[in-house]
Structures are given as structure tokens and as C-alpha cells.
Amino acid sequence: MLLDVAAVHGVDVLPPGYGVTAEDLDLAAKRAGAEPARATSR
């Protein structure tokens, strides 16, 4: 799954060197209607 972190910040592209945070990922997942889950091994 791809998460649009830039959209969370209201921009098309994040500035070079921007450090994506856990909060960014949480907000982007909520915006996408997704819920992070632990990976399972096969």
C-alpha cells in the first residue's frame, strides 16, 4: 500500500530531505481508510 504523506500536509510533493514521521504515516493511513497491521510470516 502506498500512503500519500504529502497530501496530509496539503502539498503535492514533500521538500527534499523531509523526514517522514510515525504521525505522518498514521494520519496518511487514516486518510486512506487503512489500518496498519503487523506483518505475518508465511
N, C-alpha and C. Protein backbone atom coordinates (compact mmCIF):
# COMPACT_ATOMS: atom_id res chain seq x y z
N MET A 1 0.84 -1.16 0.00
CA MET A 1 0.00 0.00 0.00
C MET A 1 0.89 1.23 0.00
N LEU A 2 0.49 2.20 -0.78
CA LEU A 2 1.19 3.49 -0.79
C LEU A 2 0.37 4.49 0.00
N LEU A 3 1.03 5.27 0.82
CA LEU A 3 0.36 6.30 1.60
C LEU A 3 0.82 7.66 1.11
N ASP A 4 -0.12 8.57 0.93
CA ASP A 4 0.17 9.90 0.40
C ASP A 4 0.45 10.86 1.56
N VAL A 5 1.68 10.85 2.03
CA VAL A 5 2.07 11.70 3.16
C VAL A 5 2.03 13.17 2.75
N ALA A 6 2.38 13.46 1.52
CA ALA A 6 2.35 14.86 1.06
C ALA A 6 0.94 15.43 1.17
N ALA A 7 -0.06 14.65 0.83
CA ALA A 7 -1.44 15.13 0.91
C ALA A 7 -1.84 15.47 2.34
N VAL A 8 -1.30 14.74 3.29
CA VAL A 8 -1.59 15.04 4.70
C VAL A 8 -1.16 16.47 5.02
N HIS A 9 -0.09 16.90 4.38
CA HIS A 9 0.45 18.24 4.62
C HIS A 9 -0.10 19.27 3.63
N GLY A 10 -1.00 18.84 2.76
CA GLY A 10 -1.63 19.76 1.82
C GLY A 10 -0.75 20.20 0.67
N VAL A 11 0.23 19.37 0.31
CA VAL A 11 1.12 19.69 -0.80
C VAL A 11 1.18 18.51 -1.76
N ASP A 12 1.66 18.76 -2.97
CA ASP A 12 1.81 17.69 -3.96
C ASP A 12 3.08 16.88 -3.72
N VAL A 13 4.13 17.56 -3.27
CA VAL A 13 5.43 16.93 -3.09
C VAL A 13 6.06 17.44 -1.79
N LEU A 14 6.65 16.54 -1.03
CA LEU A 14 7.35 16.95 0.19
C LEU A 14 8.72 17.52 -0.19
N PRO A 15 9.24 18.43 0.63
CA PRO A 15 10.55 19.00 0.31
C PRO A 15 11.65 17.95 0.40
N PRO A 16 12.72 18.12 -0.38
CA PRO A 16 13.84 17.19 -0.32
C PRO A 16 14.36 17.06 1.12
N GLY A 17 14.62 15.84 1.53
CA GLY A 17 15.16 15.61 2.85
C GLY A 17 14.13 15.57 3.96
N TYR A 18 12.84 15.70 3.62
CA TYR A 18 11.80 15.66 4.65
C TYR A 18 11.82 14.30 5.33
N GLY A 19 11.83 14.29 6.64
CA GLY A 19 11.81 13.04 7.39
C GLY A 19 10.39 12.65 7.76
N VAL A 20 9.88 11.61 7.14
CA VAL A 20 8.52 11.14 7.42
C VAL A 20 8.48 10.58 8.83
N THR A 21 7.48 11.01 9.59
CA THR A 21 7.35 10.59 10.99
C THR A 21 6.28 9.51 11.13
N ALA A 22 6.25 8.88 12.28
CA ALA A 22 5.20 7.90 12.58
C ALA A 22 3.83 8.57 12.54
N GLU A 23 3.76 9.81 13.02
CA GLU A 23 2.49 10.54 12.98
C GLU A 23 2.05 10.78 11.54
N ASP A 24 2.99 11.13 10.65
CA ASP A 24 2.67 11.29 9.23
C ASP A 24 2.03 10.01 8.68
N LEU A 25 2.64 8.88 8.99
CA LEU A 25 2.13 7.60 8.49
C LEU A 25 0.75 7.28 9.08
N ASP A 26 0.56 7.55 10.36
CA ASP A 26 -0.74 7.32 10.98
C ASP A 26 -1.82 8.17 10.32
N LEU A 27 -1.52 9.45 10.12
CA LEU A 27 -2.51 10.36 9.51
C LEU A 27 -2.79 9.96 8.06
N ALA A 28 -1.76 9.58 7.32
CA ALA A 28 -1.96 9.17 5.93
C ALA A 28 -2.77 7.88 5.85
N ALA A 29 -2.54 6.96 6.77
CA ALA A 29 -3.30 5.71 6.79
C ALA A 29 -4.77 5.99 7.09
N LYS A 30 -5.02 6.85 8.06
CA LYS A 30 -6.41 7.21 8.39
C LYS A 30 -7.08 7.88 7.20
N ARG A 31 -6.34 8.76 6.52
CA ARG A 31 -6.88 9.45 5.35
C ARG A 31 -7.24 8.45 4.25
N ALA A 32 -6.47 7.37 4.14
CA ALA A 32 -6.72 6.35 3.12
C ALA A 32 -7.73 5.30 3.56
N GLY A 33 -8.17 5.39 4.82
CA GLY A 33 -9.13 4.41 5.31
C GLY A 33 -8.47 3.07 5.60
N ALA A 34 -7.19 3.09 5.91
CA ALA A 34 -6.44 1.86 6.17
C ALA A 34 -6.00 1.83 7.63
N GLU A 35 -5.75 0.63 8.10
CA GLU A 35 -5.26 0.48 9.46
C GLU A 35 -3.99 -0.36 9.44
N PRO A 36 -2.89 0.22 9.92
CA PRO A 36 -1.66 -0.57 9.92
C PRO A 36 -1.81 -1.85 10.75
N ALA A 37 -1.16 -2.89 10.29
CA ALA A 37 -1.20 -4.16 10.99
C ALA A 37 0.19 -4.78 10.97
N ARG A 38 0.43 -5.70 11.87
CA ARG A 38 1.70 -6.39 11.89
C ARG A 38 1.79 -7.32 10.69
N ALA A 39 2.99 -7.44 10.16
CA ALA A 39 3.22 -8.38 9.06
C ALA A 39 3.15 -9.81 9.61
N THR A 40 2.66 -10.70 8.80
CA THR A 40 2.62 -12.11 9.19
C THR A 40 3.59 -12.89 8.33
N SER A 41 4.19 -13.89 8.90
CA SER A 41 5.12 -14.71 8.11
C SER A 41 4.35 -15.86 7.46
N ARG A 42 4.88 -16.31 6.37
CA ARG A 42 4.21 -17.40 5.64
C ARG A 42 4.77 -18.71 6.01
